[in-house]
Every structure is written in C-alpha cells, then in structure tokens.
Amino acid sequence: MALPVWSSVKAAWKTARKIEGLFELQAKTTAALEALDTRLRTLEDRMTHLEAGQGQLITEARGAAGAAATALAGSVISDVVTRVTRIEMRQEDIHRRLAGPATPPDP
C-alpha cells in the first residue's frame, strides 16, 4: 500500500512543479509586456514631439517662403520702376529732338 501513496504524492509534486513553472512564465510574460508598454509609450511621446516639430517646421518654411517672395517682388518692382523711368527719360529726349531747336523770341 505504500507504493500507491508515493505515486500519488509524486504526481502531485509534478503537478505543483508545473504550476510553479506556469507562474514563473506568467511573471516573465507580465514583465516583458510591461517593458513593451513602456517602450511604446516612449515612442508615442517621441512621435507626438516630432509631429509638433514638423508643424513648427512647416510654419517656419511658409514664413521663409513668404519673405523670399516679398523680397523677390520688391526687387522686380524696383527693376521695373528703373526701366520705366529710363524709357520716360528717353522719350522726353526724343520729343525734344523732334521739336527742334527753340527759337528765340523777336526783339
């Protein structure tokens, strides 16, 4: 009769060891999942920061493009004004030449 008692104790011991292994595996899995959750939260924070930086970069790029366009337009307008002024001066010179010499009034 001693043999069946020992075999049931042995089976209970094996079952207890398996349950203990499952608890250890659960603890390791929980720790790994917590580490993954922490890493994901860190990545999420970095992505949020990068998205905010991207928005700021776009705003700054638009501002720089606007400033460059304004400077270019100012330069073009200045060049056009200079050319128009020169054309007007030439036109006045041509009109003076075509009018001939001014005749002095009779004394």
PDB file of N, CA and C in Angstrom:
ATOM      1  N   MET A   1       0.795  -1.195   0.000  1.00  0.00           N
ATOM      2  CA  MET A   1       0.000   0.000   0.000  1.00  0.00           C
ATOM      3  C   MET A   1       0.850   1.277   0.000  1.00  0.00           C
ATOM      4  N   ALA A   2       2.024   1.181   0.339  1.00  0.00           N
ATOM      5  CA  ALA A   2       2.885   2.347   0.394  1.00  0.00           C
ATOM      6  C   ALA A   2       3.196   2.865  -1.001  1.00  0.00           C
ATOM      7  N   LEU A   3       3.200   1.994  -1.964  1.00  0.00           N
ATOM      8  CA  LEU A   3       3.529   2.388  -3.317  1.00  0.00           C
ATOM      9  C   LEU A   3       2.490   3.313  -3.952  1.00  0.00           C
ATOM     10  N   PRO A   4       1.204   3.036  -3.872  1.00  0.00           N
ATOM     11  CA  PRO A   4       0.239   3.953  -4.458  1.00  0.00           C
ATOM     12  C   PRO A   4       0.262   5.337  -3.802  1.00  0.00           C
ATOM     13  N   VAL A   5       0.574   5.429  -2.538  1.00  0.00           N
ATOM     14  CA  VAL A   5       0.634   6.721  -1.853  1.00  0.00           C
ATOM     15  C   VAL A   5       1.795   7.533  -2.421  1.00  0.00           C
ATOM     16  N   TRP A   6       2.914   6.857  -2.584  1.00  0.00           N
ATOM     17  CA  TRP A   6       4.091   7.551  -3.125  1.00  0.00           C
ATOM     18  C   TRP A   6       3.859   8.000  -4.571  1.00  0.00           C
ATOM     19  N   SER A   7       3.190   7.207  -5.354  1.00  0.00           N
ATOM     20  CA  SER A   7       2.948   7.590  -6.747  1.00  0.00           C
ATOM     21  C   SER A   7       1.983   8.776  -6.825  1.00  0.00           C
ATOM     22  N   SER A   8       1.002   8.835  -5.934  1.00  0.00           N
ATOM     23  CA  SER A   8       0.104   9.990  -5.946  1.00  0.00           C
ATOM     24  C   SER A   8       0.813  11.232  -5.422  1.00  0.00           C
ATOM     25  N   VAL A   9       1.712  11.079  -4.452  1.00  0.00           N
ATOM     26  CA  VAL A   9       2.494  12.205  -3.953  1.00  0.00           C
ATOM     27  C   VAL A   9       3.424  12.700  -5.068  1.00  0.00           C
ATOM     28  N   LYS A  10       4.009  11.728  -5.788  1.00  0.00           N
ATOM     29  CA  LYS A  10       4.901  12.081  -6.890  1.00  0.00           C
ATOM     30  C   LYS A  10       4.136  12.830  -7.984  1.00  0.00           C
ATOM     31  N   ALA A  11       2.945  12.378  -8.313  1.00  0.00           N
ATOM     32  CA  ALA A  11       2.120  13.038  -9.330  1.00  0.00           C
ATOM     33  C   ALA A  11       1.716  14.435  -8.865  1.00  0.00           C
ATOM     34  N   ALA A  12       1.382  14.577  -7.587  1.00  0.00           N
ATOM     35  CA  ALA A  12       1.016  15.884  -7.046  1.00  0.00           C
ATOM     36  C   ALA A  12       2.226  16.816  -7.081  1.00  0.00           C
ATOM     37  N   TRP A  13       3.409  16.276  -6.758  1.00  0.00           N
ATOM     38  CA  TRP A  13       4.633  17.076  -6.802  1.00  0.00           C
ATOM     39  C   TRP A  13       4.917  17.576  -8.219  1.00  0.00           C
ATOM     40  N   LYS A  14       4.768  16.699  -9.211  1.00  0.00           N
ATOM     41  CA  LYS A  14       4.986  17.074 -10.603  1.00  0.00           C
ATOM     42  C   LYS A  14       3.995  18.160 -11.033  1.00  0.00           C
ATOM     43  N   THR A  15       2.765  17.982 -10.628  1.00  0.00           N
ATOM     44  CA  THR A  15       1.739  18.962 -10.967  1.00  0.00           C
ATOM     45  C   THR A  15       2.053  20.307 -10.310  1.00  0.00           C
ATOM     46  N   ALA A  16       2.483  20.279  -9.075  1.00  0.00           N
ATOM     47  CA  ALA A  16       2.833  21.512  -8.363  1.00  0.00           C
ATOM     48  C   ALA A  16       4.013  22.200  -9.049  1.00  0.00           C
ATOM     49  N   ARG A  17       5.027  21.430  -9.493  1.00  0.00           N
ATOM     50  CA  ARG A  17       6.186  21.999 -10.190  1.00  0.00           C
ATOM     51  C   ARG A  17       5.759  22.634 -11.522  1.00  0.00           C
ATOM     52  N   LYS A  18       4.823  21.979 -12.228  1.00  0.00           N
ATOM     53  CA  LYS A  18       4.327  22.532 -13.491  1.00  0.00           C
ATOM     54  C   LYS A  18       3.575  23.838 -13.247  1.00  0.00           C
ATOM     55  N   ILE A  19       2.778  23.856 -12.184  1.00  0.00           N
ATOM     56  CA  ILE A  19       2.049  25.077 -11.850  1.00  0.00           C
ATOM     57  C   ILE A  19       3.022  26.188 -11.464  1.00  0.00           C
ATOM     58  N   GLU A  20       4.062  25.834 -10.719  1.00  0.00           N
ATOM     59  CA  GLU A  20       5.088  26.807 -10.350  1.00  0.00           C
ATOM     60  C   GLU A  20       5.787  27.349 -11.609  1.00  0.00           C
ATOM     61  N   GLY A  21       6.071  26.492 -12.578  1.00  0.00           N
ATOM     62  CA  GLY A  21       6.673  26.920 -13.846  1.00  0.00           C
ATOM     63  C   GLY A  21       5.752  27.860 -14.608  1.00  0.00           C
ATOM     64  N   LEU A  22       4.447  27.546 -14.580  1.00  0.00           N
ATOM     65  CA  LEU A  22       3.484  28.421 -15.245  1.00  0.00           C
ATOM     66  C   LEU A  22       3.431  29.795 -14.576  1.00  0.00           C
ATOM     67  N   PHE A  23       3.507  29.834 -13.253  1.00  0.00           N
ATOM     68  CA  PHE A  23       3.531  31.121 -12.552  1.00  0.00           C
ATOM     69  C   PHE A  23       4.791  31.924 -12.901  1.00  0.00           C
ATOM     70  N   GLU A  24       5.930  31.240 -12.997  1.00  0.00           N
ATOM     71  CA  GLU A  24       7.172  31.919 -13.381  1.00  0.00           C
ATOM     72  C   GLU A  24       7.058  32.468 -14.809  1.00  0.00           C
ATOM     73  N   LEU A  25       6.482  31.656 -15.696  1.00  0.00           N
ATOM     74  CA  LEU A  25       6.291  32.096 -17.076  1.00  0.00           C
ATOM     75  C   LEU A  25       5.345  33.289 -17.139  1.00  0.00           C
ATOM     76  N   GLN A  26       4.298  33.254 -16.330  1.00  0.00           N
ATOM     77  CA  GLN A  26       3.359  34.377 -16.293  1.00  0.00           C
ATOM     78  C   GLN A  26       4.063  35.640 -15.793  1.00  0.00           C
ATOM     79  N   ALA A  27       4.910  35.505 -14.786  1.00  0.00           N
ATOM     80  CA  ALA A  27       5.632  36.662 -14.247  1.00  0.00           C
ATOM     81  C   ALA A  27       6.577  37.234 -15.311  1.00  0.00           C
ATOM     82  N   LYS A  28       7.286  36.354 -16.018  1.00  0.00           N
ATOM     83  CA  LYS A  28       8.189  36.823 -17.087  1.00  0.00           C
ATOM     84  C   LYS A  28       7.399  37.494 -18.214  1.00  0.00           C
ATOM     85  N   THR A  29       6.282  36.912 -18.577  1.00  0.00           N
ATOM     86  CA  THR A  29       5.452  37.480 -19.642  1.00  0.00           C
ATOM     87  C   THR A  29       4.913  38.844 -19.229  1.00  0.00           C
ATOM     88  N   THR A  30       4.475  38.961 -17.992  1.00  0.00           N
ATOM     89  CA  THR A  30       3.969  40.244 -17.478  1.00  0.00           C
ATOM     90  C   THR A  30       5.072  41.297 -17.505  1.00  0.00           C
ATOM     91  N   ALA A  31       6.264  40.929 -17.079  1.00  0.00           N
ATOM     92  CA  ALA A  31       7.386  41.872 -17.085  1.00  0.00           C
ATOM     93  C   ALA A  31       7.726  42.295 -18.517  1.00  0.00           C
ATOM     94  N   ALA A  32       7.721  41.349 -19.439  1.00  0.00           N
ATOM     95  CA  ALA A  32       8.021  41.674 -20.838  1.00  0.00           C
ATOM     96  C   ALA A  32       6.951  42.595 -21.423  1.00  0.00           C
ATOM     97  N   LEU A  33       5.679  42.321 -21.109  1.00  0.00           N
ATOM     98  CA  LEU A  33       4.596  43.169 -21.606  1.00  0.00           C
ATOM     99  C   LEU A  33       4.673  44.581 -21.015  1.00  0.00           C
ATOM    100  N   GLU A  34       5.044  44.678 -19.757  1.00  0.00           N
ATOM    101  CA  GLU A  34       5.205  45.998 -19.143  1.00  0.00           C
ATOM    102  C   GLU A  34       6.355  46.762 -19.794  1.00  0.00           C
ATOM    103  N   ALA A  35       7.449  46.060 -20.093  1.00  0.00           N
ATOM    104  CA  ALA A  35       8.583  46.712 -20.772  1.00  0.00           C
ATOM    105  C   ALA A  35       8.163  47.174 -22.168  1.00  0.00           C
ATOM    106  N   LEU A  36       7.411  46.355 -22.882  1.00  0.00           N
ATOM    107  CA  LEU A  36       6.923  46.745 -24.201  1.00  0.00           C
ATOM    108  C   LEU A  36       5.982  47.941 -24.111  1.00  0.00           C
ATOM    109  N   ASP A  37       5.123  47.934 -23.098  1.00  0.00           N
ATOM    110  CA  ASP A  37       4.206  49.059 -22.915  1.00  0.00           C
ATOM    111  C   ASP A  37       4.983  50.353 -22.658  1.00  0.00           C
ATOM    112  N   THR A  38       6.017  50.275 -21.838  1.00  0.00           N
ATOM    113  CA  THR A  38       6.850  51.448 -21.558  1.00  0.00           C
ATOM    114  C   THR A  38       7.524  51.945 -22.826  1.00  0.00           C
ATOM    115  N   ARG A  39       8.066  51.024 -23.619  1.00  0.00           N
ATOM    116  CA  ARG A  39       8.732  51.421 -24.868  1.00  0.00           C
ATOM    117  C   ARG A  39       7.731  52.037 -25.844  1.00  0.00           C
ATOM    118  N   LEU A  40       6.539  51.464 -25.912  1.00  0.00           N
ATOM    119  CA  LEU A  40       5.528  52.017 -26.814  1.00  0.00           C
ATOM    120  C   LEU A  40       5.105  53.412 -26.381  1.00  0.00           C
ATOM    121  N   ARG A  41       4.958  53.619 -25.088  1.00  0.00           N
ATOM    122  CA  ARG A  41       4.606  54.958 -24.598  1.00  0.00           C
ATOM    123  C   ARG A  41       5.719  55.968 -24.916  1.00  0.00           C
ATOM    124  N   THR A  42       6.960  55.529 -24.769  1.00  0.00           N
ATOM    125  CA  THR A  42       8.091  56.405 -25.102  1.00  0.00           C
ATOM    126  C   THR A  42       8.072  56.754 -26.581  1.00  0.00           C
ATOM    127  N   LEU A  43       7.848  55.757 -27.428  1.00  0.00           N
ATOM    128  CA  LEU A  43       7.767  56.006 -28.869  1.00  0.00           C
ATOM    129  C   LEU A  43       6.597  56.920 -29.218  1.00  0.00           C
ATOM    130  N   GLU A  44       5.478  56.721 -28.544  1.00  0.00           N
ATOM    131  CA  GLU A  44       4.316  57.570 -28.782  1.00  0.00           C
ATOM    132  C   GLU A  44       4.626  59.028 -28.417  1.00  0.00           C
ATOM    133  N   ASP A  45       5.310  59.215 -27.284  1.00  0.00           N
ATOM    134  CA  ASP A  45       5.699  60.570 -26.871  1.00  0.00           C
ATOM    135  C   ASP A  45       6.651  61.195 -27.889  1.00  0.00           C
ATOM    136  N   ARG A  46       7.606  60.401 -28.384  1.00  0.00           N
ATOM    137  CA  ARG A  46       8.549  60.916 -29.386  1.00  0.00           C
ATOM    138  C   ARG A  46       7.825  61.279 -30.679  1.00  0.00           C
ATOM    139  N   MET A  47       6.873  60.447 -31.091  1.00  0.00           N
ATOM    140  CA  MET A  47       6.121  60.736 -32.313  1.00  0.00           C
ATOM    141  C   MET A  47       5.308  62.021 -32.146  1.00  0.00           C
ATOM    142  N   THR A  48       4.700  62.196 -30.996  1.00  0.00           N
ATOM    143  CA  THR A  48       3.935  63.419 -30.733  1.00  0.00           C
ATOM    144  C   THR A  48       4.853  64.632 -30.794  1.00  0.00           C
ATOM    145  N   HIS A  49       6.030  64.499 -30.208  1.00  0.00           N
ATOM    146  CA  HIS A  49       7.008  65.594 -30.230  1.00  0.00           C
ATOM    147  C   HIS A  49       7.458  65.888 -31.667  1.00  0.00           C
ATOM    148  N   LEU A  50       7.724  64.841 -32.437  1.00  0.00           N
ATOM    149  CA  LEU A  50       8.146  65.029 -33.833  1.00  0.00           C
ATOM    150  C   LEU A  50       7.035  65.662 -34.670  1.00  0.00           C
ATOM    151  N   GLU A  51       5.798  65.248 -34.438  1.00  0.00           N
ATOM    152  CA  GLU A  51       4.681  65.840 -35.180  1.00  0.00           C
ATOM    153  C   GLU A  51       4.546  67.323 -34.859  1.00  0.00           C
ATOM    154  N   ALA A  52       4.720  67.669 -33.597  1.00  0.00           N
ATOM    155  CA  ALA A  52       4.652  69.089 -33.215  1.00  0.00           C
ATOM    156  C   ALA A  52       5.800  69.858 -33.861  1.00  0.00           C
ATOM    157  N   GLY A  53       6.987  69.268 -33.866  1.00  0.00           N
ATOM    158  CA  GLY A  53       8.131  69.909 -34.506  1.00  0.00           C
ATOM    159  C   GLY A  53       7.933  70.060 -36.000  1.00  0.00           C
ATOM    160  N   GLN A  54       7.292  69.062 -36.605  1.00  0.00           N
ATOM    161  CA  GLN A  54       7.029  69.124 -38.041  1.00  0.00           C
ATOM    162  C   GLN A  54       6.077  70.275 -38.354  1.00  0.00           C
ATOM    163  N   GLY A  55       5.062  70.456 -37.527  1.00  0.00           N
ATOM    164  CA  GLY A  55       4.134  71.570 -37.722  1.00  0.00           C
ATOM    165  C   GLY A  55       4.852  72.900 -37.611  1.00  0.00           C
ATOM    166  N   GLN A  56       5.744  73.023 -36.646  1.00  0.00           N
ATOM    167  CA  GLN A  56       6.509  74.258 -36.471  1.00  0.00           C
ATOM    168  C   GLN A  56       7.436  74.468 -37.663  1.00  0.00           C
ATOM    169  N   LEU A  57       8.054  73.391 -38.145  1.00  0.00           N
ATOM    170  CA  LEU A  57       8.947  73.489 -39.302  1.00  0.00           C
ATOM    171  C   LEU A  57       8.186  73.949 -40.538  1.00  0.00           C
ATOM    172  N   ILE A  58       6.985  73.422 -40.729  1.00  0.00           N
ATOM    173  CA  ILE A  58       6.168  73.830 -41.880  1.00  0.00           C
ATOM    174  C   ILE A  58       5.811  75.311 -41.765  1.00  0.00           C
ATOM    175  N   THR A  59       5.446  75.745 -40.577  1.00  0.00           N
ATOM    176  CA  THR A  59       5.104  77.155 -40.367  1.00  0.00           C
ATOM    177  C   THR A  59       6.303  78.053 -40.664  1.00  0.00           C
ATOM    178  N   GLU A  60       7.476  77.652 -40.187  1.00  0.00           N
ATOM    179  CA  GLU A  60       8.679  78.450 -40.432  1.00  0.00           C
ATOM    180  C   GLU A  60       9.039  78.452 -41.915  1.00  0.00           C
ATOM    181  N   ALA A  61       8.871  77.317 -42.587  1.00  0.00           N
ATOM    182  CA  ALA A  61       9.173  77.252 -44.021  1.00  0.00           C
ATOM    183  C   ALA A  61       8.221  78.145 -44.812  1.00  0.00           C
ATOM    184  N   ARG A  62       6.963  78.145 -44.430  1.00  0.00           N
ATOM    185  CA  ARG A  62       5.998  79.022 -45.110  1.00  0.00           C
ATOM    186  C   ARG A  62       6.364  80.492 -44.902  1.00  0.00           C
ATOM    187  N   GLY A  63       6.767  80.837 -43.693  1.00  0.00           N
ATOM    188  CA  GLY A  63       7.175  82.209 -43.404  1.00  0.00           C
ATOM    189  C   GLY A  63       8.402  82.607 -44.216  1.00  0.00           C
ATOM    190  N   ALA A  64       9.367  81.688 -44.304  1.00  0.00           N
ATOM    191  CA  ALA A  64      10.571  81.982 -45.089  1.00  0.00           C
ATOM    192  C   ALA A  64      10.236  82.118 -46.572  1.00  0.00           C
ATOM    193  N   ALA A  65       9.351  81.279 -47.062  1.00  0.00           N
ATOM    194  CA  ALA A  65       8.944  81.369 -48.472  1.00  0.00           C
ATOM    195  C   ALA A  65       8.222  82.690 -48.734  1.00  0.00           C
ATOM    196  N   GLY A  66       7.384  83.098 -47.807  1.00  0.00           N
ATOM    197  CA  GLY A  66       6.690  84.381 -47.950  1.00  0.00           C
ATOM    198  C   GLY A  66       7.661  85.548 -47.954  1.00  0.00           C
ATOM    199  N   ALA A  67       8.642  85.501 -47.068  1.00  0.00           N
ATOM    200  CA  ALA A  67       9.646  86.572 -47.015  1.00  0.00           C
ATOM    201  C   ALA A  67      10.460  86.607 -48.300  1.00  0.00           C
ATOM    202  N   ALA A  68      10.826  85.423 -48.799  1.00  0.00           N
ATOM    203  CA  ALA A  68      11.588  85.368 -50.051  1.00  0.00           C
ATOM    204  C   ALA A  68      10.758  85.898 -51.219  1.00  0.00           C
ATOM    205  N   ALA A  69       9.484  85.551 -51.257  1.00  0.00           N
ATOM    206  CA  ALA A  69       8.611  86.035 -52.331  1.00  0.00           C
ATOM    207  C   ALA A  69       8.456  87.549 -52.259  1.00  0.00           C
ATOM    208  N   THR A  70       8.328  88.080 -51.059  1.00  0.00           N
ATOM    209  CA  THR A  70       8.212  89.529 -50.890  1.00  0.00           C
ATOM    210  C   THR A  70       9.487  90.237 -51.338  1.00  0.00           C
ATOM    211  N   ALA A  71      10.631  89.681 -50.963  1.00  0.00           N
ATOM    212  CA  ALA A  71      11.905  90.279 -51.367  1.00  0.00           C
ATOM    213  C   ALA A  71      12.065  90.236 -52.881  1.00  0.00           C
ATOM    214  N   LEU A  72      11.684  89.103 -53.482  1.00  0.00           N
ATOM    215  CA  LEU A  72      11.777  88.976 -54.940  1.00  0.00           C
ATOM    216  C   LEU A  72      10.837  89.953 -55.626  1.00  0.00           C
ATOM    217  N   ALA A  73       9.620  90.059 -55.120  1.00  0.00           N
ATOM    218  CA  ALA A  73       8.662  91.001 -55.715  1.00  0.00           C
ATOM    219  C   ALA A  73       9.170  92.428 -55.581  1.00  0.00           C
ATOM    220  N   GLY A  74       9.734  92.766 -54.441  1.00  0.00           N
ATOM    221  CA  GLY A  74      10.288  94.110 -54.256  1.00  0.00           C
ATOM    222  C   GLY A  74      11.414  94.385 -55.233  1.00  0.00           C
ATOM    223  N   SER A  75      12.258  93.402 -55.455  1.00  0.00           N
ATOM    224  CA  SER A  75      13.369  93.559 -56.397  1.00  0.00           C
ATOM    225  C   SER A  75      12.858  93.744 -57.819  1.00  0.00           C
ATOM    226  N   VAL A  76      11.867  92.937 -58.196  1.00  0.00           N
ATOM    227  CA  VAL A  76      11.304  93.036 -59.547  1.00  0.00           C
ATOM    228  C   VAL A  76      10.627  94.382 -59.742  1.00  0.00           C
ATOM    229  N   ILE A  77       9.872  94.827 -58.758  1.00  0.00           N
ATOM    230  CA  ILE A  77       9.186  96.123 -58.857  1.00  0.00           C
ATOM    231  C   ILE A  77      10.209  97.247 -58.982  1.00  0.00           C
ATOM    232  N   SER A  78      11.271  97.187 -58.211  1.00  0.00           N
ATOM    233  CA  SER A  78      12.317  98.202 -58.286  1.00  0.00           C
ATOM    234  C   SER A  78      12.946  98.217 -59.674  1.00  0.00           C
ATOM    235  N   ASP A  79      13.211  97.049 -60.223  1.00  0.00           N
ATOM    236  CA  ASP A  79      13.789  96.961 -61.567  1.00  0.00           C
ATOM    237  C   ASP A  79      12.835  97.529 -62.612  1.00  0.00           C
ATOM    238  N   VAL A  80      11.542  97.233 -62.473  1.00  0.00           N
ATOM    239  CA  VAL A  80      10.545  97.745 -63.426  1.00  0.00           C
ATOM    240  C   VAL A  80      10.463  99.261 -63.345  1.00  0.00           C
ATOM    241  N   VAL A  81      10.458  99.814 -62.146  1.00  0.00           N
ATOM    242  CA  VAL A  81      10.394 101.265 -61.978  1.00  0.00           C
ATOM    243  C   VAL A  81      11.622 101.920 -62.619  1.00  0.00           C
ATOM    244  N   THR A  82      12.788 101.331 -62.410  1.00  0.00           N
ATOM    245  CA  THR A  82      14.009 101.872 -63.008  1.00  0.00           C
ATOM    246  C   THR A  82      13.913 101.870 -64.531  1.00  0.00           C
ATOM    247  N   ARG A  83      13.446 100.768 -65.106  1.00  0.00           N
ATOM    248  CA  ARG A  83      13.337 100.671 -66.565  1.00  0.00           C
ATOM    249  C   ARG A  83      12.300 101.638 -67.122  1.00  0.00           C
ATOM    250  N   VAL A  84      11.174 101.763 -66.448  1.00  0.00           N
ATOM    251  CA  VAL A  84      10.132 102.692 -66.909  1.00  0.00           C
ATOM    252  C   VAL A  84      10.655 104.128 -66.854  1.00  0.00           C
ATOM    253  N   THR A  85      11.379 104.467 -65.795  1.00  0.00           N
ATOM    254  CA  THR A  85      11.948 105.812 -65.672  1.00  0.00           C
ATOM    255  C   THR A  85      12.923 106.086 -66.813  1.00  0.00           C
ATOM    256  N   ARG A  86      13.763 105.109 -67.145  1.00  0.00           N
ATOM    257  CA  ARG A  86      14.699 105.283 -68.251  1.00  0.00           C
ATOM    258  C   ARG A  86      13.961 105.465 -69.575  1.00  0.00           C
ATOM    259  N   ILE A  87      12.924 104.684 -69.783  1.00  0.00           N
ATOM    260  CA  ILE A  87      12.135 104.806 -71.021  1.00  0.00           C
ATOM    261  C   ILE A  87      11.502 106.191 -71.102  1.00  0.00           C
ATOM    262  N   GLU A  88      10.952 106.672 -69.991  1.00  0.00           N
ATOM    263  CA  GLU A  88      10.349 108.009 -69.976  1.00  0.00           C
ATOM    264  C   GLU A  88      11.381 109.076 -70.284  1.00  0.00           C
ATOM    265  N   MET A  89      12.589 108.930 -69.731  1.00  0.00           N
ATOM    266  CA  MET A  89      13.644 109.909 -69.988  1.00  0.00           C
ATOM    267  C   MET A  89      14.042 109.889 -71.464  1.00  0.00           C
ATOM    268  N   ARG A  90      14.155 108.718 -72.043  1.00  0.00           N
ATOM    269  CA  ARG A  90      14.473 108.616 -73.479  1.00  0.00           C
ATOM    270  C   ARG A  90      13.366 109.228 -74.332  1.00  0.00           C
ATOM    271  N   GLN A  91      12.136 108.959 -73.919  1.00  0.00           N
ATOM    272  CA  GLN A  91      11.002 109.503 -74.667  1.00  0.00           C
ATOM    273  C   GLN A  91      11.032 111.037 -74.635  1.00  0.00           C
ATOM    274  N   GLU A  92      11.304 111.621 -73.484  1.00  0.00           N
ATOM    275  CA  GLU A  92      11.395 113.079 -73.379  1.00  0.00           C
ATOM    276  C   GLU A  92      12.533 113.611 -74.248  1.00  0.00           C
ATOM    277  N   ASP A  93      13.652 112.895 -74.253  1.00  0.00           N
ATOM    278  CA  ASP A  93      14.790 113.310 -75.076  1.00  0.00           C
ATOM    279  C   ASP A  93      14.433 113.265 -76.555  1.00  0.00           C
ATOM    280  N   ILE A  94      13.731 112.227 -76.958  1.00  0.00           N
ATOM    281  CA  ILE A  94      13.317 112.093 -78.366  1.00  0.00           C
ATOM    282  C   ILE A  94      12.341 113.211 -78.719  1.00  0.00           C
ATOM    283  N   HIS A  95      11.401 113.531 -77.868  1.00  0.00           N
ATOM    284  CA  HIS A  95      10.446 114.627 -78.116  1.00  0.00           C
ATOM    285  C   HIS A  95      11.177 115.967 -78.263  1.00  0.00           C
ATOM    286  N   ARG A  96      12.189 116.205 -77.427  1.00  0.00           N
ATOM    287  CA  ARG A  96      12.955 117.447 -77.521  1.00  0.00           C
ATOM    288  C   ARG A  96      13.700 117.521 -78.858  1.00  0.00           C
ATOM    289  N   ARG A  97      14.272 116.402 -79.280  1.00  0.00           N
ATOM    290  CA  ARG A  97      14.993 116.397 -80.559  1.00  0.00           C
ATOM    291  C   ARG A  97      14.054 116.634 -81.726  1.00  0.00           C
ATOM    292  N   LEU A  98      12.877 116.012 -81.686  1.00  0.00           N
ATOM    293  CA  LEU A  98      11.924 116.155 -82.779  1.00  0.00           C
ATOM    294  C   LEU A  98      11.343 117.571 -82.831  1.00  0.00           C
ATOM    295  N   ALA A  99      11.225 118.209 -81.685  1.00  0.00           N
ATOM    296  CA  ALA A  99      10.684 119.571 -81.646  1.00  0.00           C
ATOM    297  C   ALA A  99      11.648 120.568 -82.258  1.00  0.00           C
ATOM    298  N   GLY A 100      12.886 120.233 -82.358  1.00  0.00           N
ATOM    299  CA  GLY A 100      13.854 121.119 -82.964  1.00  0.00           C
ATOM    300  C   GLY A 100      14.377 122.108 -81.957  1.00  0.00           C
ATOM    301  N   PRO A 101      15.308 122.983 -82.449  1.00  0.00           N
ATOM    302  CA  PRO A 101      15.867 123.957 -81.519  1.00  0.00           C
ATOM    303  C   PRO A 101      14.829 125.008 -81.165  1.00  0.00           C
ATOM    304  N   ALA A 102      14.917 125.453 -80.013  1.00  0.00           N
ATOM    305  CA  ALA A 102      13.986 126.501 -79.548  1.00  0.00           C
ATOM    306  C   ALA A 102      14.339 127.797 -80.241  1.00  0.00           C
ATOM    307  N   THR A 103      13.346 128.479 -80.816  1.00  0.00           N
ATOM    308  CA  THR A 103      13.580 129.767 -81.499  1.00  0.00           C
ATOM    309  C   THR A 103      13.523 130.881 -80.499  1.00  0.00           C
ATOM    310  N   PRO A 104      14.504 131.795 -80.568  1.00  0.00           N
ATOM    311  CA  PRO A 104      14.468 132.902 -79.613  1.00  0.00           C
ATOM    312  C   PRO A 104      13.351 133.876 -79.977  1.00  0.00           C
ATOM    313  N   PRO A 105      12.770 134.498 -79.047  1.00  0.00           N
ATOM    314  CA  PRO A 105      11.689 135.457 -79.319  1.00  0.00           C
ATOM    315  C   PRO A 105      12.234 136.679 -80.080  1.00  0.00           C
ATOM    316  N   ASP A 106      11.400 137.309 -80.888  1.00  0.00           N
ATOM    317  CA  ASP A 106      11.809 138.506 -81.652  1.00  0.00           C
ATOM    318  C   ASP A 106      12.017 139.675 -80.707  1.00  0.00           C
ATOM    319  N   PRO A 107      13.118 140.431 -80.939  1.00  0.00           N
ATOM    320  CA  PRO A 107      13.364 141.613 -80.104  1.00  0.00           C
ATOM    321  C   PRO A 107      12.606 142.815 -80.540  1.00  0.00           C
TER     322      PRO A 107
END
